[in-house]
Amino acid sequence: MIAKVSVMPVPAGNTEALRKAFEEMEGPRKEQCIANRHVMGTTREFVCLQHMPQGDVVVVYEEIDDPTKTMERMIDSDSEYARWIVNHVMPLLGVGGLQSLPPSEVLADWRA
């Protein structure tokens, strides 16, 4: 698995709606969320809301079999969950559609 970290600013005023979306992912949409992660090749996802003086950011750590194909797989699935993410969650992050973020530049990757 390949590890990937993303950081996305949360536009002002969207933090509470984003919290509610993640509660929905862990509640009534949990099975859809799990199925979606399998389609995307994700084996681990850890998401944090970080409060910064400049505003909130979402920090996402993922372990994925092929990060270059993650969004492509989600688009190809055309599931109800994928459409919900596109229409309800991505706009809360100021992202339109299922576009992937620019790649991160890894500066260090240390493991014991």
N, C-alpha and C. Protein backbone atom coordinates (compact mmCIF):
# COMPACT_ATOMS: atom_id res chain seq x y z
N MET A 1 0.83 -1.19 0.00
CA MET A 1 0.00 0.00 0.00
C MET A 1 0.88 1.25 0.00
N ILE A 2 0.37 2.26 -0.63
CA ILE A 2 1.06 3.54 -0.70
C ILE A 2 0.36 4.51 0.23
N ALA A 3 1.12 5.22 1.04
CA ALA A 3 0.55 6.21 1.95
C ALA A 3 0.45 7.55 1.23
N LYS A 4 -0.64 8.25 1.51
CA LYS A 4 -0.88 9.56 0.89
C LYS A 4 -1.46 10.49 1.95
N VAL A 5 -0.97 11.71 2.00
CA VAL A 5 -1.49 12.71 2.92
C VAL A 5 -1.97 13.91 2.11
N SER A 6 -3.16 14.39 2.45
CA SER A 6 -3.71 15.58 1.80
C SER A 6 -4.16 16.56 2.88
N VAL A 7 -4.03 17.84 2.58
CA VAL A 7 -4.52 18.88 3.47
C VAL A 7 -5.38 19.81 2.64
N MET A 8 -6.62 20.02 3.10
CA MET A 8 -7.55 20.87 2.35
C MET A 8 -8.12 21.93 3.28
N PRO A 9 -8.05 23.19 2.89
CA PRO A 9 -8.66 24.23 3.70
C PRO A 9 -10.18 24.08 3.67
N VAL A 10 -10.81 24.38 4.79
CA VAL A 10 -12.27 24.39 4.87
C VAL A 10 -12.72 25.84 4.74
N PRO A 11 -13.46 26.17 3.67
CA PRO A 11 -13.92 27.55 3.54
C PRO A 11 -14.71 27.99 4.77
N ALA A 12 -14.54 29.26 5.13
CA ALA A 12 -15.21 29.81 6.31
C ALA A 12 -16.71 29.51 6.26
N GLY A 13 -17.23 29.07 7.39
CA GLY A 13 -18.66 28.80 7.51
C GLY A 13 -19.06 27.37 7.16
N ASN A 14 -18.11 26.53 6.70
CA ASN A 14 -18.46 25.17 6.28
C ASN A 14 -18.09 24.09 7.30
N THR A 15 -17.45 24.45 8.39
CA THR A 15 -16.96 23.45 9.34
C THR A 15 -18.09 22.59 9.91
N GLU A 16 -19.15 23.20 10.36
CA GLU A 16 -20.23 22.42 10.98
C GLU A 16 -20.91 21.51 9.97
N ALA A 17 -21.14 21.99 8.77
CA ALA A 17 -21.74 21.14 7.73
C ALA A 17 -20.81 19.98 7.38
N LEU A 18 -19.50 20.22 7.39
CA LEU A 18 -18.54 19.16 7.11
C LEU A 18 -18.57 18.11 8.22
N ARG A 19 -18.66 18.56 9.47
CA ARG A 19 -18.80 17.62 10.60
C ARG A 19 -20.03 16.74 10.41
N LYS A 20 -21.13 17.35 10.04
CA LYS A 20 -22.39 16.61 9.84
C LYS A 20 -22.25 15.60 8.69
N ALA A 21 -21.54 15.97 7.63
CA ALA A 21 -21.33 15.05 6.52
C ALA A 21 -20.53 13.84 6.98
N PHE A 22 -19.50 14.06 7.81
CA PHE A 22 -18.71 12.94 8.31
C PHE A 22 -19.51 12.09 9.30
N GLU A 23 -20.40 12.72 10.06
CA GLU A 23 -21.29 11.95 10.93
C GLU A 23 -22.20 11.07 10.08
N GLU A 24 -22.66 11.58 8.95
CA GLU A 24 -23.50 10.80 8.05
C GLU A 24 -22.70 9.63 7.45
N MET A 25 -21.42 9.88 7.13
CA MET A 25 -20.56 8.81 6.61
C MET A 25 -20.38 7.69 7.63
N GLU A 26 -20.32 8.04 8.89
CA GLU A 26 -20.14 7.05 9.96
C GLU A 26 -21.47 6.47 10.43
N GLY A 27 -22.57 7.10 10.04
CA GLY A 27 -23.90 6.65 10.46
C GLY A 27 -24.63 5.97 9.32
N PRO A 28 -25.66 6.64 8.79
CA PRO A 28 -26.51 6.00 7.78
C PRO A 28 -25.81 5.65 6.48
N ARG A 29 -24.70 6.26 6.16
CA ARG A 29 -23.98 5.96 4.91
C ARG A 29 -22.74 5.09 5.13
N LYS A 30 -22.60 4.52 6.31
CA LYS A 30 -21.38 3.77 6.64
C LYS A 30 -21.13 2.62 5.67
N GLU A 31 -22.14 1.83 5.36
CA GLU A 31 -21.94 0.70 4.44
C GLU A 31 -21.56 1.19 3.04
N GLN A 32 -22.19 2.29 2.59
CA GLN A 32 -21.83 2.87 1.29
C GLN A 32 -20.39 3.37 1.31
N CYS A 33 -20.00 3.98 2.41
CA CYS A 33 -18.65 4.52 2.56
C CYS A 33 -17.62 3.38 2.49
N ILE A 34 -17.89 2.30 3.20
CA ILE A 34 -16.97 1.16 3.19
C ILE A 34 -16.87 0.57 1.78
N ALA A 35 -18.01 0.40 1.12
CA ALA A 35 -18.01 -0.13 -0.25
C ALA A 35 -17.22 0.78 -1.18
N ASN A 36 -17.38 2.07 -1.01
CA ASN A 36 -16.65 3.04 -1.83
C ASN A 36 -15.15 2.94 -1.62
N ARG A 37 -14.74 2.77 -0.38
CA ARG A 37 -13.31 2.65 -0.08
C ARG A 37 -12.73 1.40 -0.77
N HIS A 38 -13.50 0.31 -0.80
CA HIS A 38 -13.03 -0.90 -1.49
C HIS A 38 -12.86 -0.63 -2.99
N VAL A 39 -13.83 0.06 -3.58
CA VAL A 39 -13.76 0.39 -5.01
C VAL A 39 -12.53 1.24 -5.30
N MET A 40 -12.23 2.17 -4.41
CA MET A 40 -11.11 3.08 -4.61
C MET A 40 -9.76 2.43 -4.31
N GLY A 41 -9.76 1.27 -3.67
CA GLY A 41 -8.50 0.62 -3.31
C GLY A 41 -7.90 1.17 -2.03
N THR A 42 -8.74 1.78 -1.20
CA THR A 42 -8.28 2.36 0.07
C THR A 42 -8.40 1.33 1.18
N THR A 43 -7.31 1.11 1.91
CA THR A 43 -7.35 0.17 3.02
C THR A 43 -7.33 0.87 4.37
N ARG A 44 -6.95 2.14 4.38
CA ARG A 44 -6.97 2.91 5.63
C ARG A 44 -7.21 4.37 5.28
N GLU A 45 -8.05 5.01 6.09
CA GLU A 45 -8.28 6.44 5.94
C GLU A 45 -8.42 7.03 7.33
N PHE A 46 -7.68 8.09 7.59
CA PHE A 46 -7.69 8.77 8.87
C PHE A 46 -7.87 10.25 8.56
N VAL A 47 -8.96 10.85 9.05
CA VAL A 47 -9.29 12.23 8.72
C VAL A 47 -9.38 13.05 10.00
N CYS A 48 -8.69 14.18 10.01
CA CYS A 48 -8.72 15.09 11.16
C CYS A 48 -9.16 16.48 10.72
N LEU A 49 -9.88 17.13 11.59
CA LEU A 49 -10.19 18.55 11.40
C LEU A 49 -9.21 19.31 12.29
N GLN A 50 -8.35 20.08 11.66
CA GLN A 50 -7.32 20.83 12.39
C GLN A 50 -7.71 22.30 12.42
N HIS A 51 -7.80 22.86 13.63
CA HIS A 51 -8.13 24.27 13.78
C HIS A 51 -6.84 25.09 13.78
N MET A 52 -6.74 26.00 12.83
CA MET A 52 -5.55 26.83 12.67
C MET A 52 -5.96 28.29 12.84
N PRO A 53 -5.02 29.16 13.19
CA PRO A 53 -5.36 30.58 13.31
C PRO A 53 -5.93 31.15 12.00
N GLN A 54 -5.49 30.61 10.86
CA GLN A 54 -5.94 31.10 9.56
C GLN A 54 -7.28 30.48 9.15
N GLY A 55 -7.75 29.49 9.88
CA GLY A 55 -9.00 28.80 9.55
C GLY A 55 -8.80 27.29 9.65
N ASP A 56 -9.89 26.57 9.57
CA ASP A 56 -9.83 25.11 9.69
C ASP A 56 -9.31 24.46 8.42
N VAL A 57 -8.64 23.33 8.61
CA VAL A 57 -8.20 22.49 7.49
C VAL A 57 -8.55 21.04 7.80
N VAL A 58 -8.74 20.26 6.76
CA VAL A 58 -8.95 18.83 6.89
C VAL A 58 -7.64 18.16 6.50
N VAL A 59 -7.16 17.27 7.36
CA VAL A 59 -5.95 16.52 7.10
C VAL A 59 -6.37 15.06 6.89
N VAL A 60 -5.99 14.50 5.75
CA VAL A 60 -6.39 13.14 5.40
C VAL A 60 -5.14 12.28 5.18
N TYR A 61 -5.08 11.18 5.91
CA TYR A 61 -4.03 10.18 5.70
C TYR A 61 -4.72 8.95 5.12
N GLU A 62 -4.21 8.44 4.00
CA GLU A 62 -4.80 7.27 3.36
C GLU A 62 -3.72 6.27 3.01
N GLU A 63 -4.10 5.02 3.02
CA GLU A 63 -3.27 3.97 2.47
C GLU A 63 -4.06 3.38 1.32
N ILE A 64 -3.47 3.43 0.11
CA ILE A 64 -4.19 3.12 -1.13
C ILE A 64 -3.30 2.23 -1.99
N ASP A 65 -3.94 1.31 -2.72
CA ASP A 65 -3.13 0.45 -3.58
C ASP A 65 -2.55 1.20 -4.77
N ASP A 66 -3.29 2.17 -5.33
CA ASP A 66 -2.79 2.95 -6.47
C ASP A 66 -3.41 4.35 -6.43
N PRO A 67 -2.75 5.32 -5.78
CA PRO A 67 -3.31 6.67 -5.65
C PRO A 67 -3.64 7.35 -6.97
N THR A 68 -2.96 6.97 -8.05
CA THR A 68 -3.23 7.61 -9.35
C THR A 68 -4.59 7.19 -9.92
N LYS A 69 -5.15 6.10 -9.42
CA LYS A 69 -6.42 5.60 -9.95
C LYS A 69 -7.60 5.77 -8.99
N THR A 70 -7.36 6.33 -7.82
CA THR A 70 -8.40 6.44 -6.80
C THR A 70 -9.64 7.17 -7.30
N MET A 71 -9.48 8.38 -7.78
CA MET A 71 -10.64 9.17 -8.21
C MET A 71 -11.25 8.59 -9.47
N GLU A 72 -10.43 8.08 -10.35
CA GLU A 72 -10.93 7.44 -11.57
C GLU A 72 -11.86 6.28 -11.23
N ARG A 73 -11.45 5.48 -10.26
CA ARG A 73 -12.28 4.34 -9.83
C ARG A 73 -13.60 4.83 -9.24
N MET A 74 -13.55 5.90 -8.48
CA MET A 74 -14.77 6.43 -7.88
C MET A 74 -15.70 6.95 -8.96
N ILE A 75 -15.16 7.67 -9.93
CA ILE A 75 -15.98 8.18 -11.03
C ILE A 75 -16.60 7.03 -11.80
N ASP A 76 -15.81 6.02 -12.12
CA ASP A 76 -16.31 4.87 -12.87
C ASP A 76 -17.39 4.10 -12.12
N SER A 77 -17.35 4.14 -10.78
CA SER A 77 -18.36 3.39 -10.01
C SER A 77 -19.75 4.01 -10.17
N ASP A 78 -19.82 5.32 -10.36
CA ASP A 78 -21.08 6.05 -10.51
C ASP A 78 -22.11 5.62 -9.46
N SER A 79 -21.65 5.39 -8.25
CA SER A 79 -22.54 4.98 -7.18
C SER A 79 -23.28 6.18 -6.59
N GLU A 80 -24.34 5.88 -5.87
CA GLU A 80 -25.09 6.93 -5.18
C GLU A 80 -24.16 7.66 -4.21
N TYR A 81 -23.30 6.90 -3.54
CA TYR A 81 -22.38 7.48 -2.58
C TYR A 81 -21.40 8.43 -3.27
N ALA A 82 -20.85 8.02 -4.40
CA ALA A 82 -19.92 8.88 -5.15
C ALA A 82 -20.61 10.18 -5.55
N ARG A 83 -21.85 10.08 -6.00
CA ARG A 83 -22.60 11.29 -6.37
C ARG A 83 -22.86 12.17 -5.15
N TRP A 84 -23.13 11.56 -4.00
CA TRP A 84 -23.35 12.31 -2.76
C TRP A 84 -22.07 13.05 -2.37
N ILE A 85 -20.92 12.39 -2.49
CA ILE A 85 -19.64 13.04 -2.18
C ILE A 85 -19.44 14.25 -3.09
N VAL A 86 -19.67 14.06 -4.39
CA VAL A 86 -19.49 15.15 -5.36
C VAL A 86 -20.44 16.31 -5.07
N ASN A 87 -21.69 16.02 -4.78
CA ASN A 87 -22.70 17.07 -4.65
C ASN A 87 -22.80 17.69 -3.26
N HIS A 88 -22.37 16.97 -2.23
CA HIS A 88 -22.58 17.47 -0.87
C HIS A 88 -21.30 17.67 -0.05
N VAL A 89 -20.28 16.87 -0.29
CA VAL A 89 -19.08 16.98 0.54
C VAL A 89 -18.01 17.83 -0.12
N MET A 90 -17.70 17.56 -1.38
CA MET A 90 -16.66 18.33 -2.08
C MET A 90 -16.93 19.84 -2.06
N PRO A 91 -18.17 20.28 -2.27
CA PRO A 91 -18.41 21.72 -2.21
C PRO A 91 -18.09 22.33 -0.85
N LEU A 92 -18.23 21.55 0.22
CA LEU A 92 -17.89 22.05 1.56
C LEU A 92 -16.40 22.32 1.70
N LEU A 93 -15.61 21.69 0.83
CA LEU A 93 -14.15 21.90 0.84
C LEU A 93 -13.72 22.86 -0.27
N GLY A 94 -14.69 23.43 -0.97
CA GLY A 94 -14.35 24.35 -2.05
C GLY A 94 -13.83 23.64 -3.28
N VAL A 95 -14.14 22.33 -3.41
CA VAL A 95 -13.69 21.54 -4.54
C VAL A 95 -14.89 21.19 -5.39
N GLY A 96 -14.81 21.47 -6.68
CA GLY A 96 -15.91 21.14 -7.59
C GLY A 96 -15.65 19.83 -8.29
N GLY A 97 -16.58 18.90 -8.20
CA GLY A 97 -16.45 17.63 -8.90
C GLY A 97 -15.42 16.71 -8.26
N LEU A 98 -15.19 15.60 -8.91
CA LEU A 98 -14.25 14.61 -8.39
C LEU A 98 -12.86 14.84 -8.94
N GLN A 99 -12.33 16.00 -8.70
CA GLN A 99 -10.96 16.26 -9.15
C GLN A 99 -10.01 15.90 -8.02
N SER A 100 -8.90 15.38 -8.39
CA SER A 100 -7.93 15.04 -7.36
C SER A 100 -7.09 16.27 -7.04
N LEU A 101 -6.55 16.27 -5.86
CA LEU A 101 -5.69 17.37 -5.44
C LEU A 101 -4.31 17.22 -6.08
N PRO A 102 -3.59 18.31 -6.20
CA PRO A 102 -2.21 18.18 -6.70
C PRO A 102 -1.44 17.25 -5.78
N PRO A 103 -0.47 16.53 -6.30
CA PRO A 103 0.28 15.59 -5.47
C PRO A 103 1.07 16.32 -4.39
N SER A 104 1.22 15.66 -3.27
CA SER A 104 2.03 16.19 -2.17
C SER A 104 3.49 15.91 -2.47
N GLU A 105 4.35 16.75 -1.94
CA GLU A 105 5.78 16.52 -2.06
C GLU A 105 6.24 15.90 -0.74
N VAL A 106 6.70 14.68 -0.79
CA VAL A 106 7.15 13.98 0.41
C VAL A 106 8.54 14.47 0.77
N LEU A 107 8.70 14.95 1.99
CA LEU A 107 9.99 15.43 2.46
C LEU A 107 10.68 14.40 3.34
N ALA A 108 9.91 13.56 4.01
CA ALA A 108 10.48 12.51 4.86
C ALA A 108 9.46 11.40 5.01
N ASP A 109 9.95 10.17 5.10
CA ASP A 109 9.10 9.01 5.32
C ASP A 109 9.89 8.02 6.16
N TRP A 110 9.85 8.20 7.47
CA TRP A 110 10.63 7.38 8.36
C TRP A 110 9.75 6.33 9.01
N ARG A 111 10.24 5.12 9.13
CA ARG A 111 9.53 4.04 9.82
C ARG A 111 10.52 3.28 10.68
N ALA A 112 10.05 2.81 11.82
CA ALA A 112 10.91 2.02 12.71
C ALA A 112 10.95 0.58 12.24
